[in-house]
Amino acid sequence: MYRNLWTKDFIFITIINFLMYIIHYALIVTVTAFTINTFHANETMGGLAAGIFIIGMLFGRLFTGKYIDRLNLKKTLFFGLIFSFVAIGLYFLIHSLLVLMIVRLIHGIAFGMSSTTTGTYSSTIVPDDRKGEGIGYYALSTTVASAIGPFLGILINQKLNFQSNFIVCLICIVLAAILALFISNIRQPSVQKEEQKGAQPKGLAQFFQKQAVPISIVIVFVGIAYSSVLAFLDSYAAHIGLAAAASFFFVVYALSTFIVRPITGKVFDNYGANKVVYPTLVIFVIGLALLAVAHTSWVLLISAIFIGIGYGTLIPSFQTIALQASPPEKIGLATSTFYIFADLGAGAGPTILGIVIGSFGYRNLYFAMAVLLILVIGLYYLLHGRKQRKMEY
């Protein structure tokens, strides 16, 4: 195990993850417009083109999670990146709506494989006594990409065209693959002897690490709450006349996360999960409540600060809990399990919450999400917090 956090491998794997998520976010915010403009489809089909990527991603995570603890991480990552290169290249050959859906599905599978592998690799090389800090820094690559990716994708589409967006994504994946050639071929913790002899897990145990499931259940509901921001912020801001401020929302979100992440990671490692999770859940609640009552640009952007600190801290904290609860030889499956549950919350949220908006409106939606997170505080206590408290004392 590496004692130093900022190794060449950690820096390179973080940059690789950043480049992959730049591609993901640049395309997720533009593919709906591409579908509508190119194939004269309706908004439903445009949404499907965006959502089918998530389905592919889940398949990729399930498959990779099942086998990743027995695979060579460097080779698996390089294969996933080459697979992604091929998938992105297929965007240039799209000539029908059906082909677009197939390409999005394939790209989702490739992304699921690659991102699960980068997550496993980073978790493996981070020192045990700096797990919270290390995963927090690594997760910043996704946070920063979530601010830059949409901005870059929309800007390229507005100034150039959709094809130019695909070219930029292709360049990003090539850079990621080049960096992957220079990471070390690390050894993972060996698989237990009884598993090597054939006593393989059966049923769902092949795809999910049971010790990682409790905290992963919590992240589903946190993901649903955050999806209300990700999916409906633009429409809500336009509805209340704050569209201009909304364009800066995720930049402020990313900056606040970037500033507090190093601090919260060290607090997690030194004082335990509860000292981080409970306060940040409360901060997330406050952020959603502020968003619900926003009438000015300042209140909207202040809510972005609270939501950035809240959600931006909870994701790496929960991932660290999932990894620490699992055996070292199952770190890959635990990573996959966590990501699958997180994707389920973020993916199912917009569909479920769209019904709420139709009946109760945007402001009540965000109030409802604040209430949901208050309930999540209790759920966290039941599934992990009380056990963590006993460990701390």
Protein backbone atom coordinates (compact mmCIF):
# COMPACT_ATOMS: atom_id res chain seq x y z
CA MET A 1 0.00 0.00 0.00
CA TYR A 2 1.26 3.45 -0.90
CA ARG A 3 2.03 5.75 2.05
CA ASN A 4 2.23 8.90 -0.08
CA LEU A 5 -1.09 10.11 -1.49
CA TRP A 6 0.09 12.27 -4.40
CA THR A 7 1.83 9.61 -6.44
CA LYS A 8 2.13 9.63 -10.23
CA ASP A 9 -0.52 6.90 -10.41
CA PHE A 10 -2.99 8.81 -8.24
CA ILE A 11 -2.55 12.00 -10.26
CA PHE A 12 -2.87 10.20 -13.60
CA ILE A 13 -5.93 8.15 -12.61
CA THR A 14 -7.62 11.32 -11.33
CA ILE A 15 -6.94 13.12 -14.62
CA ILE A 16 -8.21 10.10 -16.58
CA ASN A 17 -11.43 10.14 -14.58
CA PHE A 18 -11.75 13.90 -15.14
CA LEU A 19 -11.43 13.48 -18.92
CA MET A 20 -14.01 10.69 -18.98
CA TYR A 21 -16.54 12.74 -17.04
CA ILE A 22 -15.91 15.80 -19.23
CA ILE A 23 -17.09 13.62 -22.13
CA HIS A 24 -20.06 12.34 -20.16
CA TYR A 25 -21.31 15.76 -19.09
CA ALA A 26 -20.56 17.45 -22.43
CA LEU A 27 -22.74 14.90 -24.21
CA ILE A 28 -25.50 14.44 -21.62
CA VAL A 29 -26.48 18.12 -21.84
CA THR A 30 -26.38 18.26 -25.65
CA VAL A 31 -27.62 14.89 -26.87
CA THR A 32 -31.28 15.85 -26.36
CA ALA A 33 -30.87 18.89 -28.60
CA PHE A 34 -28.90 16.77 -31.09
CA THR A 35 -31.75 14.25 -31.21
CA ILE A 36 -34.46 16.88 -31.67
CA ASN A 37 -32.57 18.99 -34.22
CA THR A 38 -31.05 16.19 -36.29
CA PHE A 39 -33.93 13.71 -36.38
CA HIS A 40 -36.86 16.07 -35.67
CA ALA A 41 -37.75 13.95 -32.65
CA ASN A 42 -39.88 15.07 -29.71
CA GLU A 43 -38.65 15.82 -26.18
CA THR A 44 -39.56 12.31 -25.01
CA MET A 45 -37.20 10.70 -27.52
CA GLY A 46 -34.57 13.31 -26.70
CA GLY A 47 -34.82 12.39 -23.04
CA LEU A 48 -34.59 8.70 -23.92
CA ALA A 49 -31.37 9.34 -25.84
CA ALA A 50 -29.93 10.87 -22.68
CA GLY A 51 -31.37 8.26 -20.32
CA ILE A 52 -30.44 5.11 -22.27
CA PHE A 53 -26.80 5.96 -21.56
CA ILE A 54 -27.52 5.41 -17.85
CA ILE A 55 -29.00 1.98 -18.62
CA GLY A 56 -25.86 1.04 -20.52
CA MET A 57 -23.73 2.38 -17.69
CA LEU A 58 -25.52 0.14 -15.19
CA PHE A 59 -24.89 -2.92 -17.36
CA GLY A 60 -21.23 -1.94 -17.63
CA ARG A 61 -20.93 -1.56 -13.87
CA LEU A 62 -22.68 -4.87 -13.17
CA PHE A 63 -20.41 -6.81 -15.52
CA THR A 64 -17.20 -5.09 -14.44
CA GLY A 65 -18.04 -5.25 -10.75
CA LYS A 66 -18.54 -9.01 -10.95
CA TYR A 67 -15.08 -9.70 -12.37
CA ILE A 68 -12.92 -6.69 -11.54
CA ASP A 69 -11.40 -8.13 -8.35
CA ARG A 70 -9.92 -10.93 -10.48
CA LEU A 71 -8.81 -8.78 -13.42
CA ASN A 72 -5.68 -6.76 -14.13
CA LEU A 73 -6.79 -3.19 -13.43
CA LYS A 74 -4.48 -1.49 -15.92
CA LYS A 75 -5.48 -3.79 -18.77
CA THR A 76 -9.17 -3.55 -17.85
CA LEU A 77 -9.00 0.25 -17.81
CA PHE A 78 -7.17 0.41 -21.14
CA PHE A 79 -9.72 -1.94 -22.71
CA GLY A 80 -12.56 0.22 -21.36
CA LEU A 81 -10.97 3.37 -22.77
CA ILE A 82 -10.45 1.79 -26.20
CA PHE A 83 -14.06 0.58 -26.06
CA SER A 84 -15.06 4.18 -25.26
CA PHE A 85 -12.97 5.45 -28.18
CA VAL A 86 -14.83 3.12 -30.54
CA ALA A 87 -18.19 4.14 -29.05
CA ILE A 88 -17.47 7.86 -29.46
CA GLY A 89 -16.26 7.21 -33.00
CA LEU A 90 -19.65 5.66 -33.78
CA TYR A 91 -21.33 9.04 -33.16
CA PHE A 92 -19.95 10.16 -36.53
CA LEU A 93 -21.79 7.28 -38.26
CA ILE A 94 -25.24 7.95 -36.79
CA HIS A 95 -27.87 8.22 -39.52
CA SER A 96 -31.08 7.32 -37.71
CA LEU A 97 -32.74 7.58 -34.32
CA LEU A 98 -32.39 3.83 -33.76
CA VAL A 99 -28.65 3.92 -34.43
CA LEU A 100 -28.31 6.86 -32.01
CA MET A 101 -30.01 4.86 -29.25
CA ILE A 102 -27.74 1.86 -29.90
CA VAL A 103 -24.62 4.04 -29.86
CA ARG A 104 -25.70 5.72 -26.61
CA LEU A 105 -26.28 2.31 -25.03
CA ILE A 106 -22.85 1.05 -26.16
CA HIS A 107 -21.16 4.23 -24.93
CA GLY A 108 -22.90 3.84 -21.56
CA ILE A 109 -21.57 0.28 -21.20
CA ALA A 110 -18.04 1.45 -22.06
CA PHE A 111 -18.26 4.36 -19.62
CA GLY A 112 -19.58 2.08 -16.86
CA MET A 113 -16.62 -0.26 -17.32
CA SER A 114 -14.03 2.53 -17.41
CA SER A 115 -15.36 4.60 -14.51
CA THR A 116 -15.76 1.55 -12.27
CA THR A 117 -12.15 0.61 -12.99
CA THR A 118 -10.77 4.10 -12.30
CA GLY A 119 -12.73 4.17 -9.04
CA THR A 120 -11.34 0.78 -8.02
CA TYR A 121 -7.78 1.70 -9.02
CA SER A 122 -7.84 4.96 -7.06
CA SER A 123 -9.32 3.26 -3.99
CA THR A 124 -6.63 0.57 -4.12
CA ILE A 125 -3.65 2.94 -4.19
CA VAL A 126 -4.92 5.40 -1.56
CA PRO A 127 -3.37 4.69 1.89
CA ASP A 128 -5.84 3.23 4.40
CA ASP A 129 -5.23 6.01 6.92
CA ARG A 130 -5.97 8.68 4.26
CA LYS A 131 -8.95 6.98 2.59
CA GLY A 132 -11.44 9.79 3.16
CA GLU A 133 -9.00 12.48 2.07
CA GLY A 134 -7.78 10.54 -0.97
CA ILE A 135 -11.18 9.55 -2.30
CA GLY A 136 -12.33 13.11 -1.67
CA TYR A 137 -9.57 14.50 -3.87
CA TYR A 138 -10.23 11.87 -6.53
CA ALA A 139 -13.96 12.67 -6.53
CA LEU A 140 -13.13 16.33 -7.14
CA SER A 141 -12.29 15.33 -10.71
CA THR A 142 -15.95 14.42 -11.22
CA THR A 143 -17.14 17.58 -9.48
CA VAL A 144 -14.98 19.89 -11.60
CA ALA A 145 -15.99 17.98 -14.75
CA SER A 146 -19.66 18.48 -13.83
CA ALA A 147 -19.08 22.24 -14.04
CA ILE A 148 -16.76 22.35 -17.07
CA GLY A 149 -18.34 19.57 -19.16
CA PRO A 150 -21.82 21.08 -19.63
CA PHE A 151 -20.35 24.54 -20.23
CA LEU A 152 -17.92 23.16 -22.83
CA GLY A 153 -20.55 21.04 -24.57
CA ILE A 154 -23.09 23.84 -24.85
CA LEU A 155 -20.45 26.38 -25.93
CA ILE A 156 -19.13 24.14 -28.71
CA ASN A 157 -22.65 23.42 -29.95
CA GLN A 158 -23.52 27.11 -29.98
CA LYS A 159 -20.31 28.35 -31.61
CA LEU A 160 -19.57 25.38 -33.88
CA ASN A 161 -21.74 22.25 -34.25
CA PHE A 162 -22.53 18.82 -32.83
CA GLN A 163 -19.77 17.15 -34.86
CA SER A 164 -17.19 19.43 -33.25
CA ASN A 165 -18.43 18.29 -29.84
CA PHE A 166 -17.82 14.67 -30.83
CA ILE A 167 -14.30 15.57 -32.03
CA VAL A 168 -13.44 17.18 -28.68
CA CYS A 169 -14.77 14.09 -26.86
CA LEU A 170 -12.64 11.88 -29.10
CA ILE A 171 -9.53 13.94 -28.26
CA CYS A 172 -10.31 13.65 -24.52
CA ILE A 173 -10.60 9.86 -24.64
CA VAL A 174 -7.34 9.57 -26.61
CA LEU A 175 -5.56 11.65 -23.96
CA ALA A 176 -7.06 9.43 -21.24
CA ALA A 177 -5.86 6.28 -23.02
CA ILE A 178 -2.34 7.71 -23.40
CA LEU A 179 -2.18 8.48 -19.66
CA ALA A 180 -3.44 4.96 -18.88
CA LEU A 181 -0.33 3.55 -20.58
CA PHE A 182 1.85 5.19 -17.91
CA ILE A 183 0.06 4.08 -14.72
CA SER A 184 1.58 1.23 -12.73
CA ASN A 185 0.43 -2.34 -13.09
CA ILE A 186 -0.57 -2.64 -9.43
CA ARG A 187 -1.33 -5.85 -7.54
CA GLN A 188 -4.74 -6.13 -5.95
CA PRO A 189 -5.40 -7.95 -2.66
CA SER A 190 -5.65 -11.66 -3.43
CA VAL A 191 -9.02 -13.35 -3.63
CA GLN A 192 -9.82 -15.66 -0.75
CA LYS A 193 -8.76 -19.28 -1.21
CA GLU A 194 -12.26 -20.71 -0.94
CA GLU A 195 -13.34 -18.51 -3.84
CA GLN A 196 -10.30 -19.55 -5.87
CA LYS A 197 -11.26 -23.18 -5.34
CA GLY A 198 -14.69 -22.63 -6.80
CA ALA A 199 -16.87 -21.44 -3.92
CA GLN A 200 -18.02 -18.44 -5.95
CA PRO A 201 -20.83 -16.17 -4.77
CA LYS A 202 -24.26 -17.06 -6.12
CA GLY A 203 -27.19 -14.96 -7.28
CA LEU A 204 -27.09 -11.24 -6.53
CA ALA A 205 -23.93 -11.72 -4.44
CA GLN A 206 -22.04 -11.97 -7.74
CA PHE A 207 -22.92 -8.37 -8.54
CA PHE A 208 -23.23 -6.66 -5.14
CA GLN A 209 -20.90 -6.53 -2.14
CA LYS A 210 -23.21 -7.07 0.83
CA GLN A 211 -21.20 -4.94 3.29
CA ALA A 212 -21.45 -1.99 0.89
CA VAL A 213 -25.22 -2.27 0.42
CA PRO A 214 -26.46 -0.45 3.59
CA ILE A 215 -24.69 2.85 2.88
CA SER A 216 -25.46 2.42 -0.83
CA ILE A 217 -29.18 2.38 0.02
CA VAL A 218 -28.72 5.77 1.68
CA ILE A 219 -27.05 7.19 -1.44
CA VAL A 220 -30.09 6.26 -3.55
CA PHE A 221 -32.25 8.79 -1.68
CA VAL A 222 -29.49 11.40 -1.58
CA GLY A 223 -29.12 10.91 -5.34
CA ILE A 224 -32.85 11.39 -5.90
CA ALA A 225 -32.70 14.66 -3.97
CA TYR A 226 -29.75 15.90 -6.00
CA SER A 227 -31.34 14.82 -9.29
CA SER A 228 -34.07 17.39 -8.63
CA VAL A 229 -31.38 20.06 -8.95
CA LEU A 230 -29.56 18.50 -11.88
CA ALA A 231 -32.66 17.81 -13.96
CA PHE A 232 -34.97 20.73 -13.20
CA LEU A 233 -32.83 23.70 -12.15
CA ASP A 234 -32.84 25.33 -15.60
CA SER A 235 -36.61 25.05 -15.97
CA TYR A 236 -37.19 26.24 -12.40
CA ALA A 237 -34.84 29.21 -12.81
CA ALA A 238 -36.56 30.24 -16.04
CA HIS A 239 -39.93 29.89 -14.31
CA ILE A 240 -38.93 32.31 -11.53
CA GLY A 241 -37.00 34.67 -13.81
CA LEU A 242 -33.48 33.75 -12.67
CA ALA A 243 -32.17 32.01 -15.80
CA ALA A 244 -29.04 34.19 -15.96
CA ALA A 245 -28.03 33.30 -12.40
CA ALA A 246 -28.71 29.61 -13.04
CA SER A 247 -25.94 29.57 -15.66
CA PHE A 248 -23.46 30.15 -12.79
CA PHE A 249 -25.09 27.70 -10.37
CA PHE A 250 -22.88 24.69 -11.06
CA VAL A 251 -19.74 26.81 -11.22
CA VAL A 252 -20.47 28.06 -7.68
CA TYR A 253 -21.40 24.49 -6.70
CA ALA A 254 -18.06 23.16 -7.97
CA LEU A 255 -16.04 25.94 -6.32
CA SER A 256 -17.63 25.38 -2.91
CA THR A 257 -17.01 21.64 -3.17
CA PHE A 258 -13.42 22.23 -4.28
CA ILE A 259 -12.73 24.45 -1.27
CA VAL A 260 -14.22 22.24 1.47
CA ARG A 261 -13.32 18.78 0.13
CA PRO A 262 -9.73 18.70 1.47
CA ILE A 263 -10.98 19.78 4.91
CA THR A 264 -13.85 17.30 5.13
CA GLY A 265 -11.63 14.46 3.92
CA LYS A 266 -9.17 15.04 6.76
CA VAL A 267 -11.98 15.37 9.31
CA PHE A 268 -13.38 12.04 8.07
CA ASP A 269 -10.03 10.27 8.49
CA ASN A 270 -9.24 11.80 11.89
CA TYR A 271 -12.64 11.90 13.60
CA GLY A 272 -14.85 9.40 11.78
CA ALA A 273 -17.72 9.42 9.29
CA ASN A 274 -20.43 10.76 11.60
CA LYS A 275 -18.57 14.02 12.21
CA VAL A 276 -18.82 14.69 8.46
CA VAL A 277 -22.07 13.05 7.37
CA TYR A 278 -24.55 14.54 9.87
CA PRO A 279 -23.45 18.19 9.40
CA THR A 280 -23.31 17.91 5.61
CA LEU A 281 -26.77 16.32 5.44
CA VAL A 282 -28.10 19.30 7.41
CA ILE A 283 -26.24 21.69 5.09
CA PHE A 284 -27.76 19.93 2.07
CA VAL A 285 -31.24 20.35 3.62
CA ILE A 286 -30.62 24.08 4.08
CA GLY A 287 -29.43 24.37 0.47
CA LEU A 288 -32.61 22.79 -0.91
CA ALA A 289 -34.79 24.93 1.36
CA LEU A 290 -33.02 28.08 0.13
CA LEU A 291 -33.50 26.93 -3.45
CA ALA A 292 -37.21 26.45 -2.80
CA VAL A 293 -37.66 30.04 -1.55
CA ALA A 294 -35.24 31.74 -3.97
CA HIS A 295 -36.56 35.00 -5.44
CA THR A 296 -33.21 36.66 -6.16
CA SER A 297 -29.99 35.64 -7.88
CA TRP A 298 -28.06 35.87 -4.60
CA VAL A 299 -30.29 33.40 -2.80
CA LEU A 300 -30.10 31.00 -5.75
CA LEU A 301 -26.30 31.10 -5.76
CA ILE A 302 -26.05 30.85 -1.97
CA SER A 303 -28.14 27.68 -2.24
CA ALA A 304 -25.52 26.41 -4.71
CA ILE A 305 -22.84 26.87 -2.03
CA PHE A 306 -24.81 24.83 0.52
CA ILE A 307 -25.73 22.12 -2.00
CA GLY A 308 -22.12 21.93 -3.19
CA ILE A 309 -20.84 21.47 0.36
CA GLY A 310 -23.63 18.99 1.16
CA TYR A 311 -23.86 16.70 -1.84
CA GLY A 312 -20.25 17.23 -2.87
CA THR A 313 -19.06 15.96 0.51
CA LEU A 314 -21.57 13.14 0.95
CA ILE A 315 -20.65 11.24 -2.23
CA PRO A 316 -16.96 10.57 -1.40
CA SER A 317 -17.81 10.10 2.29
CA PHE A 318 -20.38 7.39 1.54
CA GLN A 319 -18.03 5.75 -0.96
CA THR A 320 -15.30 5.62 1.68
CA ILE A 321 -17.73 4.04 4.15
CA ALA A 322 -18.65 1.40 1.54
CA LEU A 323 -15.00 0.55 0.95
CA GLN A 324 -14.03 0.49 4.63
CA ALA A 325 -16.93 -1.86 5.39
CA SER A 326 -15.81 -4.36 2.72
CA PRO A 327 -12.90 -6.84 2.67
CA PRO A 328 -9.77 -5.56 0.86
CA GLU A 329 -10.08 -8.27 -1.80
CA LYS A 330 -13.61 -7.03 -2.62
CA ILE A 331 -12.78 -3.36 -3.12
CA GLY A 332 -13.71 -3.50 -6.81
CA LEU A 333 -17.11 -5.08 -6.20
CA ALA A 334 -17.77 -2.61 -3.37
CA THR A 335 -16.93 0.30 -5.70
CA SER A 336 -19.26 -1.09 -8.37
CA THR A 337 -22.05 -1.63 -5.82
CA PHE A 338 -21.83 1.95 -4.61
CA TYR A 339 -21.85 3.41 -8.12
CA ILE A 340 -24.81 1.27 -9.20
CA PHE A 341 -26.96 2.49 -6.31
CA ALA A 342 -25.83 6.09 -6.86
CA ASP A 343 -26.74 5.83 -10.55
CA LEU A 344 -30.13 4.34 -9.69
CA GLY A 345 -31.00 7.35 -7.55
CA ALA A 346 -29.74 9.90 -10.05
CA GLY A 347 -31.33 8.05 -12.98
CA ALA A 348 -34.75 7.27 -11.50
CA GLY A 349 -35.10 10.62 -9.75
CA PRO A 350 -36.07 12.81 -12.73
CA THR A 351 -38.77 10.37 -13.86
CA ILE A 352 -40.34 10.15 -10.41
CA LEU A 353 -39.97 13.84 -9.59
CA GLY A 354 -41.41 14.95 -12.91
CA ILE A 355 -44.77 13.70 -11.64
CA VAL A 356 -44.36 15.75 -8.44
CA ILE A 357 -43.70 18.92 -10.43
CA GLY A 358 -46.81 18.41 -12.53
CA SER A 359 -48.98 18.18 -9.42
CA PHE A 360 -47.29 20.49 -6.90
CA GLY A 361 -44.85 22.80 -8.74
CA TYR A 362 -41.12 23.45 -8.51
CA ARG A 363 -40.96 25.17 -5.12
CA ASN A 364 -42.87 22.40 -3.39
CA LEU A 365 -40.61 19.87 -5.12
CA TYR A 366 -37.51 21.34 -3.48
CA PHE A 367 -39.27 21.60 -0.11
CA ALA A 368 -40.20 17.92 -0.49
CA MET A 369 -36.57 17.03 -1.24
CA ALA A 370 -35.46 18.90 1.89
CA VAL A 371 -37.94 16.84 3.92
CA LEU A 372 -36.68 13.67 2.22
CA LEU A 373 -33.15 14.44 3.36
CA ILE A 374 -34.32 15.01 6.93
CA LEU A 375 -35.68 11.46 6.78
CA VAL A 376 -32.38 10.31 5.27
CA ILE A 377 -30.61 11.51 8.44
CA GLY A 378 -32.62 8.91 10.35
CA LEU A 379 -32.00 6.27 7.68
CA TYR A 380 -28.26 6.88 7.87
CA TYR A 381 -28.35 6.52 11.65
CA LEU A 382 -30.16 3.18 11.39
CA LEU A 383 -28.01 1.70 8.62
CA HIS A 384 -24.58 3.00 9.62
CA GLY A 385 -24.45 5.96 12.00
CA ARG A 386 -25.20 4.11 15.22
CA LYS A 387 -22.62 1.43 14.40
CA GLN A 388 -20.08 4.14 13.59
CA ARG A 389 -20.84 5.82 16.92
CA LYS A 390 -20.07 2.60 18.80
CA MET A 391 -16.78 2.29 16.89
CA GLU A 392 -15.82 5.86 17.80
CA TYR A 393 -16.46 5.24 21.49
